[in-house]
């Protein structure tokens, strides 16, 4: 539950900053990442360094996308990928990316032709949809 609350808090901050400035403060991003690492280590006892490494690999995935797309994805998106990786179990990484792309294509269809747009709000929305599913999904299926 605390991961969901931390995710919601920082996602709103990151999204508002990205929508307003098309830029997110690195200090704010790394604060969110460090808060998640601390909470994961101290309150989630079966969370280990492999999971943290997997989260940084998820950020590396976004960095590779950034390189492939010739820097159309910002570094803030890469850092938010690490943030997402810390929030989610690694089994949900692929679903998260698919959901982000689908949301961006559906909502921003007309703006895609005009150029760049803030991507963190879509990343945050997909992250929190998946967290809701993980958090409340088990009680729905029982």
C-alpha atoms as a PDB file:
ATOM      1  CA  UNK A   1       0.000   0.000   0.000  1.00  0.00           C
ATOM      2  CA  UNK A   2       2.823   2.422   0.857  1.00  0.00           C
ATOM      3  CA  UNK A   3       4.400   1.874  -2.593  1.00  0.00           C
ATOM      4  CA  UNK A   4       1.111   2.882  -4.196  1.00  0.00           C
ATOM      5  CA  UNK A   5       0.915   6.047  -2.076  1.00  0.00           C
ATOM      6  CA  UNK A   6       4.539   6.989  -2.787  1.00  0.00           C
ATOM      7  CA  UNK A   7       3.980   6.303  -6.470  1.00  0.00           C
ATOM      8  CA  UNK A   8       0.852   8.444  -6.574  1.00  0.00           C
ATOM      9  CA  UNK A   9       2.525  11.343  -4.756  1.00  0.00           C
ATOM     10  CA  UNK A  10       5.644  11.455  -6.914  1.00  0.00           C
ATOM     11  CA  UNK A  11       3.757  10.631 -10.133  1.00  0.00           C
ATOM     12  CA  UNK A  12       1.539  13.667  -9.688  1.00  0.00           C
ATOM     13  CA  UNK A  13       4.562  15.881  -8.979  1.00  0.00           C
ATOM     14  CA  UNK A  14       6.505  14.534 -11.963  1.00  0.00           C
ATOM     15  CA  UNK A  15       3.521  14.737 -14.306  1.00  0.00           C
ATOM     16  CA  UNK A  16       2.605  18.293 -13.371  1.00  0.00           C
ATOM     17  CA  UNK A  17       6.179  19.440 -13.791  1.00  0.00           C
ATOM     18  CA  UNK A  18       6.466  17.659 -17.153  1.00  0.00           C
ATOM     19  CA  UNK A  19       3.177  19.073 -18.419  1.00  0.00           C
ATOM     20  CA  UNK A  20       4.045  22.596 -17.304  1.00  0.00           C
ATOM     21  CA  UNK A  21       7.726  22.814 -18.262  1.00  0.00           C
ATOM     22  CA  UNK A  22       8.303  19.736 -20.468  1.00  0.00           C
ATOM     23  CA  UNK A  23      11.099  19.127 -17.989  1.00  0.00           C
ATOM     24  CA  UNK A  24      11.339  17.392 -14.606  1.00  0.00           C
ATOM     25  CA  UNK A  25      13.872  18.251 -11.928  1.00  0.00           C
ATOM     26  CA  UNK A  26      16.589  15.625 -11.556  1.00  0.00           C
ATOM     27  CA  UNK A  27      16.677  16.306  -7.819  1.00  0.00           C
ATOM     28  CA  UNK A  28      12.968  15.497  -7.554  1.00  0.00           C
ATOM     29  CA  UNK A  29      13.344  12.348  -9.666  1.00  0.00           C
ATOM     30  CA  UNK A  30      16.280  11.017  -7.660  1.00  0.00           C
ATOM     31  CA  UNK A  31      14.501  11.902  -4.412  1.00  0.00           C
ATOM     32  CA  UNK A  32      11.605   9.704  -5.504  1.00  0.00           C
ATOM     33  CA  UNK A  33      13.975   6.903  -6.476  1.00  0.00           C
ATOM     34  CA  UNK A  34      15.838   7.071  -3.158  1.00  0.00           C
ATOM     35  CA  UNK A  35      12.602   7.169  -1.138  1.00  0.00           C
ATOM     36  CA  UNK A  36      11.419   4.035  -2.933  1.00  0.00           C
ATOM     37  CA  UNK A  37      14.717   2.229  -2.400  1.00  0.00           C
ATOM     38  CA  UNK A  38      14.657   3.077   1.310  1.00  0.00           C
ATOM     39  CA  UNK A  39      11.033   1.986   1.720  1.00  0.00           C
ATOM     40  CA  UNK A  40      11.629  -1.192  -0.260  1.00  0.00           C
ATOM     41  CA  UNK A  41      14.672  -2.164   1.789  1.00  0.00           C
ATOM     42  CA  UNK A  42      13.254  -1.366   5.237  1.00  0.00           C
ATOM     43  CA  UNK A  43       9.569  -2.257   4.831  1.00  0.00           C
ATOM     44  CA  UNK A  44       9.528  -4.930   2.169  1.00  0.00           C
ATOM     45  CA  UNK A  45      11.717  -7.592   3.703  1.00  0.00           C
ATOM     46  CA  UNK A  46      11.864  -9.949   0.718  1.00  0.00           C
ATOM     47  CA  UNK A  47      12.965  -7.137  -1.619  1.00  0.00           C
ATOM     48  CA  UNK A  48      16.648  -7.513  -2.429  1.00  0.00           C
ATOM     49  CA  UNK A  49      19.438  -5.994  -4.486  1.00  0.00           C
ATOM     50  CA  UNK A  50      18.416  -8.076  -7.526  1.00  0.00           C
ATOM     51  CA  UNK A  51      15.111  -6.242  -7.643  1.00  0.00           C
ATOM     52  CA  UNK A  52      16.896  -2.888  -7.440  1.00  0.00           C
ATOM     53  CA  UNK A  53      19.206  -4.030 -10.244  1.00  0.00           C
ATOM     54  CA  UNK A  54      16.161  -5.055 -12.309  1.00  0.00           C
ATOM     55  CA  UNK A  55      14.691  -1.573 -11.796  1.00  0.00           C
ATOM     56  CA  UNK A  56      17.889   0.035 -13.087  1.00  0.00           C
ATOM     57  CA  UNK A  57      17.805  -2.353 -16.062  1.00  0.00           C
ATOM     58  CA  UNK A  58      14.278  -1.139 -16.780  1.00  0.00           C
ATOM     59  CA  UNK A  59      15.697   2.386 -16.811  1.00  0.00           C
ATOM     60  CA  UNK A  60      18.405   1.119 -19.163  1.00  0.00           C
ATOM     61  CA  UNK A  61      15.656  -0.075 -21.505  1.00  0.00           C
ATOM     62  CA  UNK A  62      14.332   3.490 -21.700  1.00  0.00           C
ATOM     63  CA  UNK A  63      17.880   4.756 -22.229  1.00  0.00           C
ATOM     64  CA  UNK A  64      18.247   2.409 -25.209  1.00  0.00           C
ATOM     65  CA  UNK A  65      14.917   3.665 -26.566  1.00  0.00           C
ATOM     66  CA  UNK A  66      16.292   7.183 -26.134  1.00  0.00           C
ATOM     67  CA  UNK A  67      19.363   6.280 -28.180  1.00  0.00           C
ATOM     68  CA  UNK A  68      17.363   4.520 -30.885  1.00  0.00           C
ATOM     69  CA  UNK A  69      14.920   7.421 -31.251  1.00  0.00           C
ATOM     70  CA  UNK A  70      17.741   9.982 -31.388  1.00  0.00           C
ATOM     71  CA  UNK A  71      16.960  11.544 -27.999  1.00  0.00           C
ATOM     72  CA  UNK A  72      13.215  12.031 -28.535  1.00  0.00           C
ATOM     73  CA  UNK A  73      12.801  10.489 -25.092  1.00  0.00           C
ATOM     74  CA  UNK A  74      14.212  12.700 -22.360  1.00  0.00           C
ATOM     75  CA  UNK A  75      16.533  11.684 -19.555  1.00  0.00           C
ATOM     76  CA  UNK A  76      13.697  12.374 -17.112  1.00  0.00           C
ATOM     77  CA  UNK A  77      11.763   9.593 -18.846  1.00  0.00           C
ATOM     78  CA  UNK A  78      14.739   7.282 -18.333  1.00  0.00           C
ATOM     79  CA  UNK A  79      14.884   8.150 -14.625  1.00  0.00           C
ATOM     80  CA  UNK A  80      11.137   7.682 -14.331  1.00  0.00           C
ATOM     81  CA  UNK A  81      11.663   4.229 -15.842  1.00  0.00           C
ATOM     82  CA  UNK A  82      13.899   3.426 -12.856  1.00  0.00           C
ATOM     83  CA  UNK A  83      11.176   4.788 -10.569  1.00  0.00           C
ATOM     84  CA  UNK A  84       8.636   2.524 -12.293  1.00  0.00           C
ATOM     85  CA  UNK A  85      10.934  -0.453 -11.956  1.00  0.00           C
ATOM     86  CA  UNK A  86      11.192   0.114  -8.220  1.00  0.00           C
ATOM     87  CA  UNK A  87       7.409   0.275  -7.894  1.00  0.00           C
ATOM     88  CA  UNK A  88       6.560  -2.777 -10.001  1.00  0.00           C
ATOM     89  CA  UNK A  89       7.496  -6.407  -9.953  1.00  0.00           C
ATOM     90  CA  UNK A  90       9.686  -7.201 -12.963  1.00  0.00           C
ATOM     91  CA  UNK A  91       6.939  -9.415 -14.421  1.00  0.00           C
ATOM     92  CA  UNK A  92       4.886  -6.287 -15.133  1.00  0.00           C
ATOM     93  CA  UNK A  93       7.556  -4.289 -16.989  1.00  0.00           C
ATOM     94  CA  UNK A  94       6.398  -5.358 -20.461  1.00  0.00           C
ATOM     95  CA  UNK A  95       2.751  -4.698 -19.673  1.00  0.00           C
ATOM     96  CA  UNK A  96       3.710  -1.283 -18.324  1.00  0.00           C
ATOM     97  CA  UNK A  97       5.518  -0.284 -21.531  1.00  0.00           C
ATOM     98  CA  UNK A  98       2.658  -1.555 -23.686  1.00  0.00           C
ATOM     99  CA  UNK A  99       0.107   0.367 -21.624  1.00  0.00           C
ATOM    100  CA  UNK A 100       2.192   3.564 -21.827  1.00  0.00           C
ATOM    101  CA  UNK A 101       2.428   3.387 -25.589  1.00  0.00           C
ATOM    102  CA  UNK A 102      -1.271   2.611 -25.988  1.00  0.00           C
ATOM    103  CA  UNK A 103      -2.299   5.479 -23.705  1.00  0.00           C
ATOM    104  CA  UNK A 104       0.013   7.898 -25.527  1.00  0.00           C
ATOM    105  CA  UNK A 105      -1.304   6.814 -28.926  1.00  0.00           C
ATOM    106  CA  UNK A 106      -4.940   7.029 -27.893  1.00  0.00           C
ATOM    107  CA  UNK A 107      -4.794  10.314 -25.976  1.00  0.00           C
ATOM    108  CA  UNK A 108      -2.179  12.192 -27.984  1.00  0.00           C
ATOM    109  CA  UNK A 109      -3.029  10.936 -31.473  1.00  0.00           C
ATOM    110  CA  UNK A 110      -3.373  14.430 -32.974  1.00  0.00           C
ATOM    111  CA  UNK A 111      -0.346  15.885 -31.188  1.00  0.00           C
ATOM    112  CA  UNK A 112       1.953  13.079 -32.338  1.00  0.00           C
ATOM    113  CA  UNK A 113       2.057  14.641 -35.760  1.00  0.00           C
ATOM    114  CA  UNK A 114       3.022  18.036 -34.315  1.00  0.00           C
ATOM    115  CA  UNK A 115       6.209  16.998 -32.531  1.00  0.00           C
ATOM    116  CA  UNK A 116       7.263  16.240 -28.993  1.00  0.00           C
ATOM    117  CA  UNK A 117       4.978  15.911 -26.009  1.00  0.00           C
ATOM    118  CA  UNK A 118       5.413  15.126 -22.324  1.00  0.00           C
ATOM    119  CA  UNK A 119       5.615  11.353 -21.859  1.00  0.00           C
ATOM    120  CA  UNK A 120       5.899  11.106 -18.072  1.00  0.00           C
ATOM    121  CA  UNK A 121       2.144  11.613 -17.490  1.00  0.00           C
ATOM    122  CA  UNK A 122       1.486   8.497 -19.601  1.00  0.00           C
ATOM    123  CA  UNK A 123       4.203   6.579 -17.805  1.00  0.00           C
ATOM    124  CA  UNK A 124       2.741   7.646 -14.447  1.00  0.00           C
ATOM    125  CA  UNK A 125      -0.814   6.765 -15.464  1.00  0.00           C
ATOM    126  CA  UNK A 126       0.162   3.300 -16.659  1.00  0.00           C
ATOM    127  CA  UNK A 127       2.262   2.714 -13.532  1.00  0.00           C
ATOM    128  CA  UNK A 128      -0.603   3.615 -11.229  1.00  0.00           C
ATOM    129  CA  UNK A 129      -3.132   1.589 -13.234  1.00  0.00           C
ATOM    130  CA  UNK A 130      -0.895  -1.457 -12.843  1.00  0.00           C
ATOM    131  CA  UNK A 131      -0.335  -0.764  -9.155  1.00  0.00           C
ATOM    132  CA  UNK A 132      -4.103  -0.528  -8.632  1.00  0.00           C
ATOM    133  CA  UNK A 133      -4.509  -3.796 -10.461  1.00  0.00           C
ATOM    134  CA  UNK A 134      -1.799  -5.438  -8.341  1.00  0.00           C
ATOM    135  CA  UNK A 135      -3.088  -3.942  -5.099  1.00  0.00           C
ATOM    136  CA  UNK A 136      -6.806  -4.440  -5.565  1.00  0.00           C
ATOM    137  CA  UNK A 137      -6.838  -7.169  -8.215  1.00  0.00           C
ATOM    138  CA  UNK A 138      -6.263 -10.018  -5.811  1.00  0.00           C
ATOM    139  CA  UNK A 139      -9.332  -9.113  -3.777  1.00  0.00           C
ATOM    140  CA  UNK A 140     -11.419  -8.802  -6.949  1.00  0.00           C
ATOM    141  CA  UNK A 141     -10.500 -12.284  -8.160  1.00  0.00           C
ATOM    142  CA  UNK A 142     -11.242 -14.078  -4.873  1.00  0.00           C
END
